[in-house]
Amino acid sequence: PFEQKHAVVVAEKMAGFAKGMKSVDQRKLIRLGLLHDIGK
């Protein structure tokens, strides 16, 4: 659960940082944030 929560926080922060960036696919960005540590 602590790794899940970390991934959610990372995905939400990424989305916040990218707000207004038209070249960024928000869905892909959030999915990357959620999956970045999946190897753990």
PDB file of all heavy atoms in Angstrom:
ATOM      1  N   PRO A   1       0.794  -1.234   0.000  1.00  0.00           N
ATOM      2  CA  PRO A   1       0.000   0.000   0.000  1.00  0.00           C
ATOM      3  C   PRO A   1       0.828   1.288   0.000  1.00  0.00           C
ATOM      4  O   PRO A   1       0.459   2.250  -0.671  1.00  0.00           O
ATOM      5  CB  PRO A   1      -0.845  -0.107   1.273  1.00  0.00           C
ATOM      6  CG  PRO A   1      -0.983  -1.578   1.485  1.00  0.00           C
ATOM      7  CD  PRO A   1       0.320  -2.168   1.027  1.00  0.00           C
ATOM      8  N   PHE A   2       1.960   1.315   0.696  1.00  0.00           N
ATOM      9  CA  PHE A   2       2.760   2.544   0.712  1.00  0.00           C
ATOM     10  C   PHE A   2       3.361   2.831  -0.656  1.00  0.00           C
ATOM     11  O   PHE A   2       3.525   3.991  -1.035  1.00  0.00           O
ATOM     12  CB  PHE A   2       3.834   2.522   1.818  1.00  0.00           C
ATOM     13  CG  PHE A   2       4.967   1.556   1.608  1.00  0.00           C
ATOM     14  CD1 PHE A   2       6.121   1.939   0.945  1.00  0.00           C
ATOM     15  CD2 PHE A   2       4.894   0.270   2.126  1.00  0.00           C
ATOM     16  CE1 PHE A   2       7.176   1.052   0.774  1.00  0.00           C
ATOM     17  CE2 PHE A   2       5.941  -0.620   1.970  1.00  0.00           C
ATOM     18  CZ  PHE A   2       7.090  -0.244   1.284  1.00  0.00           C
ATOM     19  N   GLU A   3       3.659   1.786  -1.449  1.00  0.00           N
ATOM     20  CA  GLU A   3       4.162   1.986  -2.813  1.00  0.00           C
ATOM     21  C   GLU A   3       3.027   2.419  -3.739  1.00  0.00           C
ATOM     22  O   GLU A   3       3.220   3.245  -4.622  1.00  0.00           O
ATOM     23  CB  GLU A   3       4.815   0.712  -3.350  1.00  0.00           C
ATOM     24  CG  GLU A   3       6.105   0.321  -2.661  1.00  0.00           C
ATOM     25  CD  GLU A   3       7.313   1.201  -2.999  1.00  0.00           C
ATOM     26  OE1 GLU A   3       7.171   2.234  -3.710  1.00  0.00           O
ATOM     27  OE2 GLU A   3       8.398   0.858  -2.544  1.00  0.00           O
ATOM     28  N   GLN A   4       1.830   1.857  -3.529  1.00  0.00           N
ATOM     29  CA  GLN A   4       0.664   2.283  -4.312  1.00  0.00           C
ATOM     30  C   GLN A   4       0.413   3.769  -4.083  1.00  0.00           C
ATOM     31  O   GLN A   4       0.213   4.529  -5.040  1.00  0.00           O
ATOM     32  CB  GLN A   4      -0.581   1.491  -3.899  1.00  0.00           C
ATOM     33  CG  GLN A   4      -0.546   0.028  -4.227  1.00  0.00           C
ATOM     34  CD  GLN A   4      -1.732  -0.713  -3.636  1.00  0.00           C
ATOM     35  OE1 GLN A   4      -2.816  -0.152  -3.458  1.00  0.00           O
ATOM     36  NE2 GLN A   4      -1.542  -1.982  -3.321  1.00  0.00           N
ATOM     37  N   LYS A   5       0.400   4.170  -2.830  1.00  0.00           N
ATOM     38  CA  LYS A   5       0.133   5.576  -2.485  1.00  0.00           C
ATOM     39  C   LYS A   5       1.197   6.475  -3.103  1.00  0.00           C
ATOM     40  O   LYS A   5       0.890   7.537  -3.656  1.00  0.00           O
ATOM     41  CB  LYS A   5       0.075   5.752  -0.962  1.00  0.00           C
ATOM     42  CG  LYS A   5      -0.237   7.160  -0.526  1.00  0.00           C
ATOM     43  CD  LYS A   5      -1.659   7.567  -0.887  1.00  0.00           C
ATOM     44  CE  LYS A   5      -2.003   8.915  -0.277  1.00  0.00           C
ATOM     45  NZ  LYS A   5      -3.399   9.259  -0.464  1.00  0.00           N
ATOM     46  N   HIS A   6       2.464   6.048  -3.025  1.00  0.00           N
ATOM     47  CA  HIS A   6       3.545   6.827  -3.640  1.00  0.00           C
ATOM     48  C   HIS A   6       3.277   7.014  -5.132  1.00  0.00           C
ATOM     49  O   HIS A   6       3.403   8.130  -5.660  1.00  0.00           O
ATOM     50  CB  HIS A   6       4.893   6.112  -3.427  1.00  0.00           C
ATOM     51  CG  HIS A   6       5.998   6.626  -4.291  1.00  0.00           C
ATOM     52  ND1 HIS A   6       6.581   7.863  -4.103  1.00  0.00           N
ATOM     53  CD2 HIS A   6       6.601   6.078  -5.366  1.00  0.00           C
ATOM     54  CE1 HIS A   6       7.508   8.050  -5.030  1.00  0.00           C
ATOM     55  NE2 HIS A   6       7.542   6.983  -5.803  1.00  0.00           N
ATOM     56  N   ALA A   7       2.868   5.944  -5.816  1.00  0.00           N
ATOM     57  CA  ALA A   7       2.614   6.030  -7.254  1.00  0.00           C
ATOM     58  C   ALA A   7       1.451   6.975  -7.562  1.00  0.00           C
ATOM     59  O   ALA A   7       1.512   7.755  -8.525  1.00  0.00           O
ATOM     60  CB  ALA A   7       2.336   4.642  -7.824  1.00  0.00           C
ATOM     61  N   VAL A   8       0.410   6.936  -6.746  1.00  0.00           N
ATOM     62  CA  VAL A   8      -0.729   7.843  -6.936  1.00  0.00           C
ATOM     63  C   VAL A   8      -0.272   9.293  -6.751  1.00  0.00           C
ATOM     64  O   VAL A   8      -0.607  10.171  -7.552  1.00  0.00           O
ATOM     65  CB  VAL A   8      -1.894   7.492  -5.983  1.00  0.00           C
ATOM     66  CG1 VAL A   8      -2.942   8.596  -5.962  1.00  0.00           C
ATOM     67  CG2 VAL A   8      -2.525   6.163  -6.378  1.00  0.00           C
ATOM     68  N   VAL A   9       0.509   9.534  -5.709  1.00  0.00           N
ATOM     69  CA  VAL A   9       1.013  10.890  -5.449  1.00  0.00           C
ATOM     70  C   VAL A   9       1.887  11.356  -6.615  1.00  0.00           C
ATOM     71  O   VAL A   9       1.748  12.495  -7.088  1.00  0.00           O
ATOM     72  CB  VAL A   9       1.786  10.944  -4.107  1.00  0.00           C
ATOM     73  CG1 VAL A   9       2.550  12.251  -3.956  1.00  0.00           C
ATOM     74  CG2 VAL A   9       0.831  10.738  -2.939  1.00  0.00           C
ATOM     75  N   VAL A  10       2.775  10.499  -7.099  1.00  0.00           N
ATOM     76  CA  VAL A  10       3.638  10.854  -8.228  1.00  0.00           C
ATOM     77  C   VAL A  10       2.791  11.167  -9.459  1.00  0.00           C
ATOM     78  O   VAL A  10       3.008  12.180 -10.131  1.00  0.00           O
ATOM     79  CB  VAL A  10       4.666   9.734  -8.518  1.00  0.00           C
ATOM     80  CG1 VAL A  10       5.354   9.944  -9.864  1.00  0.00           C
ATOM     81  CG2 VAL A  10       5.699   9.667  -7.400  1.00  0.00           C
ATOM     82  N   ALA A  11       1.811  10.322  -9.764  1.00  0.00           N
ATOM     83  CA  ALA A  11       0.959  10.547 -10.945  1.00  0.00           C
ATOM     84  C   ALA A  11       0.200  11.866 -10.834  1.00  0.00           C
ATOM     85  O   ALA A  11       0.116  12.630 -11.814  1.00  0.00           O
ATOM     86  CB  ALA A  11      -0.018   9.377 -11.101  1.00  0.00           C
ATOM     87  N   GLU A  12      -0.329  12.149  -9.658  1.00  0.00           N
ATOM     88  CA  GLU A  12      -1.068  13.410  -9.472  1.00  0.00           C
ATOM     89  C   GLU A  12      -0.144  14.615  -9.586  1.00  0.00           C
ATOM     90  O   GLU A  12      -0.520  15.635 -10.173  1.00  0.00           O
ATOM     91  CB  GLU A  12      -1.791  13.400  -8.137  1.00  0.00           C
ATOM     92  CG  GLU A  12      -2.978  12.441  -8.122  1.00  0.00           C
ATOM     93  CD  GLU A  12      -3.653  12.302  -6.772  1.00  0.00           C
ATOM     94  OE1 GLU A  12      -3.017  12.599  -5.723  1.00  0.00           O
ATOM     95  OE2 GLU A  12      -4.834  11.885  -6.751  1.00  0.00           O
ATOM     96  N   LYS A  13       1.047  14.509  -9.037  1.00  0.00           N
ATOM     97  CA  LYS A  13       2.008  15.621  -9.154  1.00  0.00           C
ATOM     98  C   LYS A  13       2.417  15.837 -10.603  1.00  0.00           C
ATOM     99  O   LYS A  13       2.529  16.978 -11.051  1.00  0.00           O
ATOM    100  CB  LYS A  13       3.235  15.363  -8.282  1.00  0.00           C
ATOM    101  CG  LYS A  13       2.970  15.582  -6.824  1.00  0.00           C
ATOM    102  CD  LYS A  13       4.235  15.421  -6.015  1.00  0.00           C
ATOM    103  CE  LYS A  13       3.924  15.698  -4.552  1.00  0.00           C
ATOM    104  NZ  LYS A  13       5.134  15.777  -3.737  1.00  0.00           N
ATOM    105  N   MET A  14       2.654  14.738 -11.318  1.00  0.00           N
ATOM    106  CA  MET A  14       3.015  14.858 -12.728  1.00  0.00           C
ATOM    107  C   MET A  14       1.918  15.586 -13.496  1.00  0.00           C
ATOM    108  O   MET A  14       2.210  16.468 -14.307  1.00  0.00           O
ATOM    109  CB  MET A  14       3.278  13.475 -13.341  1.00  0.00           C
ATOM    110  CG  MET A  14       4.543  12.799 -12.845  1.00  0.00           C
ATOM    111  SD  MET A  14       4.689  11.089 -13.413  1.00  0.00           S
ATOM    112  CE  MET A  14       5.045  11.331 -15.157  1.00  0.00           C
ATOM    113  N   ALA A  15       0.680  15.211 -13.234  1.00  0.00           N
ATOM    114  CA  ALA A  15      -0.448  15.861 -13.910  1.00  0.00           C
ATOM    115  C   ALA A  15      -0.499  17.343 -13.567  1.00  0.00           C
ATOM    116  O   ALA A  15      -0.753  18.181 -14.444  1.00  0.00           O
ATOM    117  CB  ALA A  15      -1.757  15.173 -13.527  1.00  0.00           C
ATOM    118  N   GLY A  16      -0.236  17.666 -12.321  1.00  0.00           N
ATOM    119  CA  GLY A  16      -0.225  19.075 -11.906  1.00  0.00           C
ATOM    120  C   GLY A  16       0.891  19.855 -12.574  1.00  0.00           C
ATOM    121  O   GLY A  16       0.685  20.975 -13.042  1.00  0.00           O
ATOM    122  N   PHE A  17       2.078  19.258 -12.643  1.00  0.00           N
ATOM    123  CA  PHE A  17       3.217  19.930 -13.281  1.00  0.00           C
ATOM    124  C   PHE A  17       2.972  20.147 -14.772  1.00  0.00           C
ATOM    125  O   PHE A  17       3.451  21.117 -15.352  1.00  0.00           O
ATOM    126  CB  PHE A  17       4.507  19.110 -13.126  1.00  0.00           C
ATOM    127  CG  PHE A  17       5.007  18.956 -11.717  1.00  0.00           C
ATOM    128  CD1 PHE A  17       5.787  17.854 -11.378  1.00  0.00           C
ATOM    129  CD2 PHE A  17       4.735  19.886 -10.725  1.00  0.00           C
ATOM    130  CE1 PHE A  17       6.277  17.695 -10.082  1.00  0.00           C
ATOM    131  CE2 PHE A  17       5.218  19.737  -9.425  1.00  0.00           C
ATOM    132  CZ  PHE A  17       5.989  18.630  -9.113  1.00  0.00           C
ATOM    133  N   ALA A  18       2.226  19.230 -15.405  1.00  0.00           N
ATOM    134  CA  ALA A  18       2.011  19.292 -16.856  1.00  0.00           C
ATOM    135  C   ALA A  18       0.782  20.091 -17.257  1.00  0.00           C
ATOM    136  O   ALA A  18       0.522  20.251 -18.452  1.00  0.00           O
ATOM    137  CB  ALA A  18       1.896  17.866 -17.404  1.00  0.00           C
ATOM    138  N   LYS A  19       0.061  20.595 -16.273  1.00  0.00           N
ATOM    139  CA  LYS A  19      -1.163  21.347 -16.588  1.00  0.00           C
ATOM    140  C   LYS A  19      -0.833  22.479 -17.572  1.00  0.00           C
ATOM    141  O   LYS A  19       0.090  23.242 -17.365  1.00  0.00           O
ATOM    142  CB  LYS A  19      -1.746  21.939 -15.303  1.00  0.00           C
ATOM    143  CG  LYS A  19      -3.230  22.135 -15.388  1.00  0.00           C
ATOM    144  CD  LYS A  19      -3.813  22.411 -14.018  1.00  0.00           C
ATOM    145  CE  LYS A  19      -4.994  21.533 -13.852  1.00  0.00           C
ATOM    146  NZ  LYS A  19      -5.017  20.550 -12.874  1.00  0.00           N
ATOM    147  N   GLY A  20      -1.584  22.528 -18.638  1.00  0.00           N
ATOM    148  CA  GLY A  20      -1.374  23.571 -19.643  1.00  0.00           C
ATOM    149  C   GLY A  20      -0.340  23.209 -20.709  1.00  0.00           C
ATOM    150  O   GLY A  20      -0.153  23.960 -21.653  1.00  0.00           O
ATOM    151  N   MET A  21       0.329  22.088 -20.566  1.00  0.00           N
ATOM    152  CA  MET A  21       1.309  21.659 -21.575  1.00  0.00           C
ATOM    153  C   MET A  21       0.555  20.881 -22.652  1.00  0.00           C
ATOM    154  O   MET A  21       0.217  19.722 -22.461  1.00  0.00           O
ATOM    155  CB  MET A  21       2.405  20.796 -20.940  1.00  0.00           C
ATOM    156  CG  MET A  21       3.250  21.529 -19.920  1.00  0.00           C
ATOM    157  SD  MET A  21       4.426  20.429 -19.057  1.00  0.00           S
ATOM    158  CE  MET A  21       5.673  20.230 -20.311  1.00  0.00           C
ATOM    159  N   LYS A  22       0.301  21.526 -23.775  1.00  0.00           N
ATOM    160  CA  LYS A  22      -0.516  20.927 -24.824  1.00  0.00           C
ATOM    161  C   LYS A  22       0.132  19.710 -25.477  1.00  0.00           C
ATOM    162  O   LYS A  22      -0.556  18.838 -26.004  1.00  0.00           O
ATOM    163  CB  LYS A  22      -0.847  21.982 -25.872  1.00  0.00           C
ATOM    164  CG  LYS A  22      -1.803  23.050 -25.348  1.00  0.00           C
ATOM    165  CD  LYS A  22      -2.142  24.030 -26.438  1.00  0.00           C
ATOM    166  CE  LYS A  22      -3.094  25.116 -26.098  1.00  0.00           C
ATOM    167  NZ  LYS A  22      -3.383  25.509 -24.800  1.00  0.00           N
ATOM    168  N   SER A  23       1.462  19.628 -25.445  1.00  0.00           N
ATOM    169  CA  SER A  23       2.156  18.516 -26.102  1.00  0.00           C
ATOM    170  C   SER A  23       2.159  17.242 -25.263  1.00  0.00           C
ATOM    171  O   SER A  23       2.619  16.199 -25.720  1.00  0.00           O
ATOM    172  CB  SER A  23       3.601  18.917 -26.410  1.00  0.00           C
ATOM    173  OG  SER A  23       4.296  19.159 -25.200  1.00  0.00           O
ATOM    174  N   VAL A  24       1.630  17.307 -24.049  1.00  0.00           N
ATOM    175  CA  VAL A  24       1.666  16.160 -23.144  1.00  0.00           C
ATOM    176  C   VAL A  24       0.317  15.443 -23.131  1.00  0.00           C
ATOM    177  O   VAL A  24      -0.725  16.064 -22.938  1.00  0.00           O
ATOM    178  CB  VAL A  24       2.043  16.612 -21.711  1.00  0.00           C
ATOM    179  CG1 VAL A  24       1.901  15.482 -20.718  1.00  0.00           C
ATOM    180  CG2 VAL A  24       3.457  17.177 -21.688  1.00  0.00           C
ATOM    181  N   ASP A  25       0.369  14.144 -23.344  1.00  0.00           N
ATOM    182  CA  ASP A  25      -0.812  13.290 -23.259  1.00  0.00           C
ATOM    183  C   ASP A  25      -1.044  12.991 -21.773  1.00  0.00           C
ATOM    184  O   ASP A  25      -0.302  12.214 -21.169  1.00  0.00           O
ATOM    185  CB  ASP A  25      -0.557  12.006 -24.054  1.00  0.00           C
ATOM    186  CG  ASP A  25      -1.687  10.996 -23.984  1.00  0.00           C
ATOM    187  OD1 ASP A  25      -2.528  11.069 -23.049  1.00  0.00           O
ATOM    188  OD2 ASP A  25      -1.721  10.106 -24.857  1.00  0.00           O
ATOM    189  N   GLN A  26      -2.051  13.629 -21.185  1.00  0.00           N
ATOM    190  CA  GLN A  26      -2.307  13.510 -19.748  1.00  0.00           C
ATOM    191  C   GLN A  26      -2.545  12.054 -19.324  1.00  0.00           C
ATOM    192  O   GLN A  26      -2.077  11.634 -18.274  1.00  0.00           O
ATOM    193  CB  GLN A  26      -3.514  14.367 -19.349  1.00  0.00           C
ATOM    194  CG  GLN A  26      -3.221  15.849 -19.287  1.00  0.00           C
ATOM    195  CD  GLN A  26      -2.416  16.233 -18.051  1.00  0.00           C
ATOM    196  OE1 GLN A  26      -2.600  15.696 -16.973  1.00  0.00           O
ATOM    197  NE2 GLN A  26      -1.500  17.167 -18.229  1.00  0.00           N
ATOM    198  N   ARG A  27      -3.261  11.310 -20.111  1.00  0.00           N
ATOM    199  CA  ARG A  27      -3.550   9.907 -19.767  1.00  0.00           C
ATOM    200  C   ARG A  27      -2.257   9.088 -19.708  1.00  0.00           C
ATOM    201  O   ARG A  27      -2.029   8.335 -18.774  1.00  0.00           O
ATOM    202  CB  ARG A  27      -4.540   9.309 -20.759  1.00  0.00           C
ATOM    203  CG  ARG A  27      -4.960   7.903 -20.386  1.00  0.00           C
ATOM    204  CD  ARG A  27      -6.208   7.468 -21.148  1.00  0.00           C
ATOM    205  NE  ARG A  27      -6.630   6.154 -20.723  1.00  0.00           N
ATOM    206  CZ  ARG A  27      -7.317   5.907 -19.613  1.00  0.00           C
ATOM    207  NH1 ARG A  27      -7.682   6.892 -18.837  1.00  0.00           N
ATOM    208  NH2 ARG A  27      -7.644   4.671 -19.290  1.00  0.00           N
ATOM    209  N   LYS A  28      -1.423   9.245 -20.720  1.00  0.00           N
ATOM    210  CA  LYS A  28      -0.135   8.538 -20.739  1.00  0.00           C
ATOM    211  C   LYS A  28       0.717   8.959 -19.548  1.00  0.00           C
ATOM    212  O   LYS A  28       1.336   8.125 -18.881  1.00  0.00           O
ATOM    213  CB  LYS A  28       0.608   8.829 -22.045  1.00  0.00           C
ATOM    214  CG  LYS A  28       2.002   8.233 -22.090  1.00  0.00           C
ATOM    215  CD  LYS A  28       2.768   8.664 -23.320  1.00  0.00           C
ATOM    216  CE  LYS A  28       4.214   8.263 -23.203  1.00  0.00           C
ATOM    217  NZ  LYS A  28       5.028   8.775 -24.307  1.00  0.00           N
ATOM    218  N   LEU A  29       0.732  10.231 -19.272  1.00  0.00           N
ATOM    219  CA  LEU A  29       1.528  10.771 -18.172  1.00  0.00           C
ATOM    220  C   LEU A  29       1.107  10.159 -16.825  1.00  0.00           C
ATOM    221  O   LEU A  29       1.942   9.705 -16.042  1.00  0.00           O
ATOM    222  CB  LEU A  29       1.363  12.288 -18.129  1.00  0.00           C
ATOM    223  CG  LEU A  29       2.169  13.028 -17.082  1.00  0.00           C
ATOM    224  CD1 LEU A  29       3.600  13.173 -17.550  1.00  0.00           C
ATOM    225  CD2 LEU A  29       1.555  14.395 -16.839  1.00  0.00           C
ATOM    226  N   ILE A  30      -0.189  10.127 -16.589  1.00  0.00           N
ATOM    227  CA  ILE A  30      -0.704   9.580 -15.326  1.00  0.00           C
ATOM    228  C   ILE A  30      -0.427   8.085 -15.248  1.00  0.00           C
ATOM    229  O   ILE A  30      -0.013   7.566 -14.199  1.00  0.00           O
ATOM    230  CB  ILE A  30      -2.202   9.907 -15.168  1.00  0.00           C
ATOM    231  CG1 ILE A  30      -2.352  11.410 -14.914  1.00  0.00           C
ATOM    232  CG2 ILE A  30      -2.832   9.082 -14.045  1.00  0.00           C
ATOM    233  CD1 ILE A  30      -3.773  11.931 -14.993  1.00  0.00           C
ATOM    234  N   ARG A  31      -0.594   7.382 -16.358  1.00  0.00           N
ATOM    235  CA  ARG A  31      -0.318   5.944 -16.366  1.00  0.00           C
ATOM    236  C   ARG A  31       1.163   5.682 -16.073  1.00  0.00           C
ATOM    237  O   ARG A  31       1.488   4.763 -15.316  1.00  0.00           O
ATOM    238  CB  ARG A  31      -0.728   5.339 -17.709  1.00  0.00           C
ATOM    239  CG  ARG A  31      -2.252   5.310 -17.887  1.00  0.00           C
ATOM    240  CD  ARG A  31      -2.709   4.977 -19.298  1.00  0.00           C
ATOM    241  NE  ARG A  31      -1.931   3.969 -19.984  1.00  0.00           N
ATOM    242  CZ  ARG A  31      -1.979   2.661 -19.723  1.00  0.00           C
ATOM    243  NH1 ARG A  31      -2.757   2.216 -18.777  1.00  0.00           N
ATOM    244  NH2 ARG A  31      -1.246   1.819 -20.420  1.00  0.00           N
ATOM    245  N   LEU A  32       2.044   6.489 -16.623  1.00  0.00           N
ATOM    246  CA  LEU A  32       3.478   6.353 -16.336  1.00  0.00           C
ATOM    247  C   LEU A  32       3.738   6.581 -14.847  1.00  0.00           C
ATOM    248  O   LEU A  32       4.485   5.823 -14.222  1.00  0.00           O
ATOM    249  CB  LEU A  32       4.293   7.340 -17.179  1.00  0.00           C
ATOM    250  CG  LEU A  32       5.798   7.363 -16.894  1.00  0.00           C
ATOM    251  CD1 LEU A  32       6.431   5.993 -17.146  1.00  0.00           C
ATOM    252  CD2 LEU A  32       6.475   8.443 -17.749  1.00  0.00           C
ATOM    253  N   GLY A  33       3.121   7.591 -14.281  1.00  0.00           N
ATOM    254  CA  GLY A  33       3.282   7.839 -12.849  1.00  0.00           C
ATOM    255  C   GLY A  33       2.817   6.672 -12.006  1.00  0.00           C
ATOM    256  O   GLY A  33       3.462   6.296 -11.025  1.00  0.00           O
ATOM    257  N   LEU A  34       1.704   6.078 -12.388  1.00  0.00           N
ATOM    258  CA  LEU A  34       1.170   4.943 -11.637  1.00  0.00           C
ATOM    259  C   LEU A  34       2.025   3.681 -11.792  1.00  0.00           C
ATOM    260  O   LEU A  34       2.134   2.879 -10.868  1.00  0.00           O
ATOM    261  CB  LEU A  34      -0.263   4.642 -12.073  1.00  0.00           C
ATOM    262  CG  LEU A  34      -1.316   5.680 -11.695  1.00  0.00           C
ATOM    263  CD1 LEU A  34      -2.638   5.387 -12.394  1.00  0.00           C
ATOM    264  CD2 LEU A  34      -1.502   5.745 -10.178  1.00  0.00           C
ATOM    265  N   LEU A  35       2.647   3.517 -12.950  1.00  0.00           N
ATOM    266  CA  LEU A  35       3.362   2.273 -13.246  1.00  0.00           C
ATOM    267  C   LEU A  35       4.878   2.364 -13.102  1.00  0.00           C
ATOM    268  O   LEU A  35       5.567   1.345 -13.245  1.00  0.00           O
ATOM    269  CB  LEU A  35       3.017   1.821 -14.674  1.00  0.00           C
ATOM    270  CG  LEU A  35       1.547   1.470 -14.921  1.00  0.00           C
ATOM    271  CD1 LEU A  35       1.281   1.264 -16.412  1.00  0.00           C
ATOM    272  CD2 LEU A  35       1.140   0.249 -14.116  1.00  0.00           C
ATOM    273  N   HIS A  36       5.424   3.526 -12.795  1.00  0.00           N
ATOM    274  CA  HIS A  36       6.877   3.690 -12.834  1.00  0.00           C
ATOM    275  C   HIS A  36       7.643   2.766 -11.893  1.00  0.00           C
ATOM    276  O   HIS A  36       8.761   2.375 -12.182  1.00  0.00           O
ATOM    277  CB  HIS A  36       7.269   5.156 -12.604  1.00  0.00           C
ATOM    278  CG  HIS A  36       7.223   5.601 -11.182  1.00  0.00           C
ATOM    279  ND1 HIS A  36       6.028   5.916 -10.541  1.00  0.00           N
ATOM    280  CD2 HIS A  36       8.202   5.783 -10.273  1.00  0.00           C
ATOM    281  CE1 HIS A  36       6.287   6.285  -9.300  1.00  0.00           C
ATOM    282  NE2 HIS A  36       7.600   6.206  -9.108  1.00  0.00           N
ATOM    283  N   ASP A  37       7.085   2.385 -10.774  1.00  0.00           N
ATOM    284  CA  ASP A  37       7.764   1.508  -9.811  1.00  0.00           C
ATOM    285  C   ASP A  37       7.180   0.095  -9.785  1.00  0.00           C
ATOM    286  O   ASP A  37       7.402  -0.656  -8.834  1.00  0.00           O
ATOM    287  CB  ASP A  37       7.677   2.101  -8.398  1.00  0.00           C
ATOM    288  CG  ASP A  37       8.704   3.186  -8.139  1.00  0.00           C
ATOM    289  OD1 ASP A  37       9.693   3.286  -8.896  1.00  0.00           O
ATOM    290  OD2 ASP A  37       8.521   3.944  -7.163  1.00  0.00           O
ATOM    291  N   ILE A  38       6.474  -0.302 -10.826  1.00  0.00           N
ATOM    292  CA  ILE A  38       5.759  -1.573 -10.825  1.00  0.00           C
ATOM    293  C   ILE A  38       6.697  -2.768 -10.652  1.00  0.00           C
ATOM    294  O   ILE A  38       6.300  -3.806 -10.121  1.00  0.00           O
ATOM    295  CB  ILE A  38       4.869  -1.707 -12.092  1.00  0.00           C
ATOM    296  CG1 ILE A  38       3.705  -2.643 -11.827  1.00  0.00           C
ATOM    297  CG2 ILE A  38       5.675  -2.128 -13.304  1.00  0.00           C
ATOM    298  CD1 ILE A  38       2.696  -2.096 -10.866  1.00  0.00           C
ATOM    299  N   GLY A  39       7.946  -2.625 -11.040  1.00  0.00           N
ATOM    300  CA  GLY A  39       8.922  -3.708 -10.868  1.00  0.00           C
ATOM    301  C   GLY A  39       9.145  -4.092  -9.421  1.00  0.00           C
ATOM    302  O   GLY A  39       9.560  -5.216  -9.116  1.00  0.00           O
ATOM    303  N   LYS A  40       8.836  -3.182  -8.511  1.00  0.00           N
ATOM    304  CA  LYS A  40       8.991  -3.476  -7.088  1.00  0.00           C
ATOM    305  C   LYS A  40       7.994  -4.532  -6.618  1.00  0.00           C
ATOM    306  O   LYS A  40       8.146  -5.084  -5.532  1.00  0.00           O
ATOM    307  CB  LYS A  40       8.848  -2.204  -6.262  1.00  0.00           C
ATOM    308  CG  LYS A  40       9.997  -1.234  -6.476  1.00  0.00           C
ATOM    309  CD  LYS A  40       9.809   0.035  -5.680  1.00  0.00           C
ATOM    310  CE  LYS A  40      10.962   0.998  -5.917  1.00  0.00           C
ATOM    311  NZ  LYS A  40      10.771   2.254  -5.165  1.00  0.00           N
TER     312      LYS A  40
END
